[in-house]
C-alpha atoms as a PDB file:
ATOM      1  CA  UNK A   1      87.368  84.485  91.797  1.00  0.00           C
ATOM      2  CA  UNK A   2      86.276  85.509  94.767  1.00  0.00           C
ATOM      3  CA  UNK A   3      83.900  88.177  95.518  1.00  0.00           C
ATOM      4  CA  UNK A   4      82.717  89.872  98.390  1.00  0.00           C
ATOM      5  CA  UNK A   5      79.314  91.264  99.685  1.00  0.00           C
ATOM      6  CA  UNK A   6      80.594  94.713 101.431  1.00  0.00           C
ATOM      7  CA  UNK A   7      78.541  95.883 104.637  1.00  0.00           C
ATOM      8  CA  UNK A   8      76.866  98.768 102.872  1.00  0.00           C
ATOM      9  CA  UNK A   9      76.115  99.596  99.104  1.00  0.00           C
ATOM     10  CA  UNK A  10      78.488 101.323  97.507  1.00  0.00           C
ATOM     11  CA  UNK A  11      77.908 104.529  95.222  1.00  0.00           C
ATOM     12  CA  UNK A  12      79.995 104.315  92.424  1.00  0.00           C
ATOM     13  CA  UNK A  13      80.613 107.100  89.567  1.00  0.00           C
ATOM     14  CA  UNK A  14      78.440 108.661  87.841  1.00  0.00           C
ATOM     15  CA  UNK A  15      76.370 108.754  91.071  1.00  0.00           C
ATOM     16  CA  UNK A  16      74.965 112.150  91.823  1.00  0.00           C
ATOM     17  CA  UNK A  17      75.875 111.881  95.227  1.00  0.00           C
ATOM     18  CA  UNK A  18      79.531 111.855  94.743  1.00  0.00           C
ATOM     19  CA  UNK A  19      79.395 115.333  93.166  1.00  0.00           C
ATOM     20  CA  UNK A  20      76.956 116.669  96.075  1.00  0.00           C
ATOM     21  CA  UNK A  21      78.696 118.885  99.119  1.00  0.00           C
ATOM     22  CA  UNK A  22      77.303 116.549 102.211  1.00  0.00           C
ATOM     23  CA  UNK A  23      75.571 118.104 104.627  1.00  0.00           C
ATOM     24  CA  UNK A  24      77.436 118.801 108.302  1.00  0.00           C
ATOM     25  CA  UNK A  25      76.383 116.030 111.936  1.00  0.00           C
ATOM     26  CA  UNK A  26      74.396 118.543 114.365  1.00  0.00           C
ATOM     27  CA  UNK A  27      74.502 115.622 117.022  1.00  0.00           C
ATOM     28  CA  UNK A  28      76.727 112.938 117.676  1.00  0.00           C
ATOM     29  CA  UNK A  29      74.232 110.089 118.007  1.00  0.00           C
ATOM     30  CA  UNK A  30      73.672 106.622 118.113  1.00  0.00           C
ATOM     31  CA  UNK A  31      72.887 106.131 114.686  1.00  0.00           C
ATOM     32  CA  UNK A  32      75.930 108.055 114.030  1.00  0.00           C
ATOM     33  CA  UNK A  33      77.862 105.606 115.906  1.00  0.00           C
ATOM     34  CA  UNK A  34      76.002 102.685 114.296  1.00  0.00           C
ATOM     35  CA  UNK A  35      76.536 104.206 110.453  1.00  0.00           C
ATOM     36  CA  UNK A  36      80.498 104.961 111.465  1.00  0.00           C
ATOM     37  CA  UNK A  37      80.406 100.940 112.466  1.00  0.00           C
ATOM     38  CA  UNK A  38      78.541  99.936 109.283  1.00  0.00           C
ATOM     39  CA  UNK A  39      81.151 102.117 107.228  1.00  0.00           C
ATOM     40  CA  UNK A  40      84.355 100.899 108.774  1.00  0.00           C
ATOM     41  CA  UNK A  41      83.080  97.041 108.181  1.00  0.00           C
ATOM     42  CA  UNK A  42      82.393  98.357 104.470  1.00  0.00           C
ATOM     43  CA  UNK A  43      85.810  99.939 104.210  1.00  0.00           C
ATOM     44  CA  UNK A  44      87.589  97.057 105.356  1.00  0.00           C
ATOM     45  CA  UNK A  45      85.490  94.375 103.140  1.00  0.00           C
ATOM     46  CA  UNK A  46      86.478  96.199  99.943  1.00  0.00           C
ATOM     47  CA  UNK A  47      90.226  96.472 101.385  1.00  0.00           C
ATOM     48  CA  UNK A  48      90.322  99.948 101.052  1.00  0.00           C
ATOM     49  CA  UNK A  49      91.890 102.576 103.479  1.00  0.00           C
ATOM     50  CA  UNK A  50      89.112 105.627 103.726  1.00  0.00           C
ATOM     51  CA  UNK A  51      85.692 105.999 103.521  1.00  0.00           C
ATOM     52  CA  UNK A  52      83.466 109.057 103.208  1.00  0.00           C
ATOM     53  CA  UNK A  53      79.553 108.859 104.133  1.00  0.00           C
ATOM     54  CA  UNK A  54      78.649 109.471 100.509  1.00  0.00           C
ATOM     55  CA  UNK A  55      80.423 106.641  99.310  1.00  0.00           C
ATOM     56  CA  UNK A  56      77.904 104.428 100.637  1.00  0.00           C
ATOM     57  CA  UNK A  57      74.454 106.409 100.449  1.00  0.00           C
ATOM     58  CA  UNK A  58      74.467 109.063 102.872  1.00  0.00           C
ATOM     59  CA  UNK A  59      74.893 112.630 102.382  1.00  0.00           C
ATOM     60  CA  UNK A  60      76.515 113.579 105.951  1.00  0.00           C
ATOM     61  CA  UNK A  61      80.079 114.822 106.836  1.00  0.00           C
ATOM     62  CA  UNK A  62      81.491 111.391 108.381  1.00  0.00           C
ATOM     63  CA  UNK A  63      84.516 109.699 107.374  1.00  0.00           C
ATOM     64  CA  UNK A  64      86.364 106.521 108.812  1.00  0.00           C
ATOM     65  CA  UNK A  65      90.038 105.552 107.612  1.00  0.00           C
ATOM     66  CA  UNK A  66      92.669 103.103 108.603  1.00  0.00           C
ATOM     67  CA  UNK A  67      95.920 103.469 106.688  1.00  0.00           C
ATOM     68  CA  UNK A  68      97.843 100.604 109.003  1.00  0.00           C
ATOM     69  CA  UNK A  69      98.661  97.354 107.529  1.00  0.00           C
ATOM     70  CA  UNK A  70      97.201  95.552 110.535  1.00  0.00           C
ATOM     71  CA  UNK A  71      93.824  97.247 110.792  1.00  0.00           C
ATOM     72  CA  UNK A  72      95.343  98.881 114.473  1.00  0.00           C
ATOM     73  CA  UNK A  73      94.596 102.412 112.861  1.00  0.00           C
ATOM     74  CA  UNK A  74      91.137 103.053 112.675  1.00  0.00           C
ATOM     75  CA  UNK A  75      90.011 106.794 113.037  1.00  0.00           C
ATOM     76  CA  UNK A  76      86.655 108.627 112.891  1.00  0.00           C
ATOM     77  CA  UNK A  77      85.907 112.052 111.985  1.00  0.00           C
ATOM     78  CA  UNK A  78      82.847 113.992 112.213  1.00  0.00           C
ATOM     79  CA  UNK A  79      82.552 116.752 110.821  1.00  0.00           C
ATOM     80  CA  UNK A  80      86.407 117.244 109.379  1.00  0.00           C
ATOM     81  CA  UNK A  81      88.026 120.204 107.950  1.00  0.00           C
ATOM     82  CA  UNK A  82      91.507 120.685 107.226  1.00  0.00           C
ATOM     83  CA  UNK A  83      92.701 123.617 108.726  1.00  0.00           C
ATOM     84  CA  UNK A  84      96.536 123.567 107.896  1.00  0.00           C
ATOM     85  CA  UNK A  85      98.677 122.115 105.147  1.00  0.00           C
ATOM     86  CA  UNK A  86     102.272 121.641 104.360  1.00  0.00           C
ATOM     87  CA  UNK A  87     104.232 120.495 101.633  1.00  0.00           C
ATOM     88  CA  UNK A  88     102.830 118.843  98.024  1.00  0.00           C
ATOM     89  CA  UNK A  89     103.394 115.797  95.957  1.00  0.00           C
ATOM     90  CA  UNK A  90     101.990 113.831  93.688  1.00  0.00           C
ATOM     91  CA  UNK A  91     100.929 110.173  94.823  1.00  0.00           C
ATOM     92  CA  UNK A  92      98.854 107.428  92.843  1.00  0.00           C
ATOM     93  CA  UNK A  93      95.480 106.988  94.429  1.00  0.00           C
ATOM     94  CA  UNK A  94      92.765 104.801  93.769  1.00  0.00           C
ATOM     95  CA  UNK A  95      88.985 105.008  95.138  1.00  0.00           C
ATOM     96  CA  UNK A  96      86.400 102.308  96.146  1.00  0.00           C
ATOM     97  CA  UNK A  97      83.716 104.768  93.682  1.00  0.00           C
ATOM     98  CA  UNK A  98      85.729 104.340  90.885  1.00  0.00           C
ATOM     99  CA  UNK A  99      86.821 100.251  91.167  1.00  0.00           C
ATOM    100  CA  UNK A 100      89.975  99.342  88.826  1.00  0.00           C
ATOM    101  CA  UNK A 101      90.766 103.537  88.159  1.00  0.00           C
ATOM    102  CA  UNK A 102      94.372 104.368  89.607  1.00  0.00           C
ATOM    103  CA  UNK A 103      95.634 108.427  89.223  1.00  0.00           C
ATOM    104  CA  UNK A 104      98.231 110.377  90.245  1.00  0.00           C
ATOM    105  CA  UNK A 105      96.892 113.953  92.280  1.00  0.00           C
ATOM    106  CA  UNK A 106      98.624 116.263  94.000  1.00  0.00           C
ATOM    107  CA  UNK A 107      97.854 116.908  97.667  1.00  0.00           C
ATOM    108  CA  UNK A 108      99.786 118.004 100.871  1.00  0.00           C
ATOM    109  CA  UNK A 109     102.214 116.330 102.219  1.00  0.00           C
ATOM    110  CA  UNK A 110     100.540 117.008 106.119  1.00  0.00           C
ATOM    111  CA  UNK A 111      97.315 118.197 107.186  1.00  0.00           C
ATOM    112  CA  UNK A 112      96.351 119.396 110.783  1.00  0.00           C
ATOM    113  CA  UNK A 113      92.130 118.109 110.565  1.00  0.00           C
ATOM    114  CA  UNK A 114      89.720 119.588 112.996  1.00  0.00           C
ATOM    115  CA  UNK A 115      86.474 117.325 113.664  1.00  0.00           C
ATOM    116  CA  UNK A 116      84.562 115.926 116.382  1.00  0.00           C
ATOM    117  CA  UNK A 117      85.286 112.326 117.532  1.00  0.00           C
ATOM    118  CA  UNK A 118      82.236 109.623 118.421  1.00  0.00           C
ATOM    119  CA  UNK A 119      81.887 111.241 122.040  1.00  0.00           C
ATOM    120  CA  UNK A 120      81.255 114.381 120.465  1.00  0.00           C
ATOM    121  CA  UNK A 121      84.311 115.976 121.279  1.00  0.00           C
ATOM    122  CA  UNK A 122      86.230 118.620 118.960  1.00  0.00           C
ATOM    123  CA  UNK A 123      89.673 117.216 118.374  1.00  0.00           C
ATOM    124  CA  UNK A 124      92.498 118.436 116.184  1.00  0.00           C
ATOM    125  CA  UNK A 125      94.704 115.927 114.444  1.00  0.00           C
ATOM    126  CA  UNK A 126      98.281 115.758 112.844  1.00  0.00           C
ATOM    127  CA  UNK A 127      98.420 113.727 109.619  1.00  0.00           C
ATOM    128  CA  UNK A 128     101.541 113.538 107.112  1.00  0.00           C
ATOM    129  CA  UNK A 129     102.545 111.294 104.817  1.00  0.00           C
ATOM    130  CA  UNK A 130      99.593 108.030 103.064  1.00  0.00           C
ATOM    131  CA  UNK A 131      97.357 108.948 105.977  1.00  0.00           C
ATOM    132  CA  UNK A 132      97.131 112.937 104.909  1.00  0.00           C
ATOM    133  CA  UNK A 133      96.590 111.465 101.194  1.00  0.00           C
ATOM    134  CA  UNK A 134      93.693 109.544 102.602  1.00  0.00           C
ATOM    135  CA  UNK A 135      91.995 111.714 104.867  1.00  0.00           C
ATOM    136  CA  UNK A 136      92.229 114.867 102.267  1.00  0.00           C
ATOM    137  CA  UNK A 137      90.710 112.370  99.405  1.00  0.00           C
ATOM    138  CA  UNK A 138      88.191 111.750 102.033  1.00  0.00           C
ATOM    139  CA  UNK A 139      87.309 115.152 102.582  1.00  0.00           C
ATOM    140  CA  UNK A 140      86.835 115.947  99.190  1.00  0.00           C
ATOM    141  CA  UNK A 141      84.113 113.151  98.852  1.00  0.00           C
ATOM    142  CA  UNK A 142      82.329 115.054 101.578  1.00  0.00           C
ATOM    143  CA  UNK A 143      82.855 118.436  99.258  1.00  0.00           C
ATOM    144  CA  UNK A 144      81.152 117.202  96.273  1.00  0.00           C
ATOM    145  CA  UNK A 145      84.830 116.445  94.956  1.00  0.00           C
ATOM    146  CA  UNK A 146      86.015 113.448  93.519  1.00  0.00           C
ATOM    147  CA  UNK A 147      89.958 112.528  92.156  1.00  0.00           C
ATOM    148  CA  UNK A 148      88.989 112.810  88.618  1.00  0.00           C
ATOM    149  CA  UNK A 149      88.181 116.621  89.843  1.00  0.00           C
ATOM    150  CA  UNK A 150      91.711 116.721  91.246  1.00  0.00           C
ATOM    151  CA  UNK A 151      93.154 115.947  87.563  1.00  0.00           C
ATOM    152  CA  UNK A 152      93.784 117.835  84.700  1.00  0.00           C
ATOM    153  CA  UNK A 153      90.734 117.788  81.619  1.00  0.00           C
ATOM    154  CA  UNK A 154      93.163 115.956  79.759  1.00  0.00           C
ATOM    155  CA  UNK A 155      94.041 113.493  82.306  1.00  0.00           C
ATOM    156  CA  UNK A 156      90.274 112.896  83.270  1.00  0.00           C
ATOM    157  CA  UNK A 157      89.121 112.482  79.767  1.00  0.00           C
ATOM    158  CA  UNK A 158      91.851 110.067  79.234  1.00  0.00           C
ATOM    159  CA  UNK A 159      91.361 107.254  82.848  1.00  0.00           C
ATOM    160  CA  UNK A 160      87.212 107.761  82.099  1.00  0.00           C
ATOM    161  CA  UNK A 161      88.254 106.219  78.406  1.00  0.00           C
ATOM    162  CA  UNK A 162      90.345 103.522  79.788  1.00  0.00           C
ATOM    163  CA  UNK A 163      88.040 103.480  83.068  1.00  0.00           C
ATOM    164  CA  UNK A 164      84.911 102.370  80.793  1.00  0.00           C
ATOM    165  CA  UNK A 165      86.346 100.039  78.562  1.00  0.00           C
ATOM    166  CA  UNK A 166      87.886  98.012  81.681  1.00  0.00           C
ATOM    167  CA  UNK A 167      85.220  98.414  84.329  1.00  0.00           C
ATOM    168  CA  UNK A 168      83.038  95.339  83.849  1.00  0.00           C
ATOM    169  CA  UNK A 169      85.956  93.306  84.623  1.00  0.00           C
ATOM    170  CA  UNK A 170      85.964  94.738  88.095  1.00  0.00           C
ATOM    171  CA  UNK A 171      83.501  93.399  90.423  1.00  0.00           C
ATOM    172  CA  UNK A 172      82.554  95.291  93.614  1.00  0.00           C
ATOM    173  CA  UNK A 173      80.042  93.181  94.799  1.00  0.00           C
ATOM    174  CA  UNK A 174      78.113  90.000  94.141  1.00  0.00           C
ATOM    175  CA  UNK A 175      75.906  88.546  92.247  1.00  0.00           C
ATOM    176  CA  UNK A 176      72.539  87.867  94.616  1.00  0.00           C
END
């Protein structure tokens, strides 16, 4: 079995940082650039399409996403917030912080996201489909919300019972 070592250490459920709202980033600094790069490398190492800062130990409002099939769609969002959304649908989601767990979650089909880019410029980005889903999932992490919080209590209990039984078969880091 192949194992990998992510760039940054992953925080997995039930780590408290995953349920804690994050602080706004006051200024886009060299540290933020470097951390965004490290997050990007970690996301790619985990074969993910999105990653939020609390998933790798920092309680700040920063996400990275790349929903492309060929790693050409990388986007960074500093202090993102959804300013408009349209439509809803359910889609199966997974999460790096819940290895092996898959849940059907209802999300907006299209969103407009206001944020800063890595140059500190204010932007509005329109996303739809998988990209909109991913952005909503990652912004939830910044608000201390996981995809478990987006399903019914019964679905959550059932999913967690199943996941607890199976999670030992999923390895997200190699033994050192």
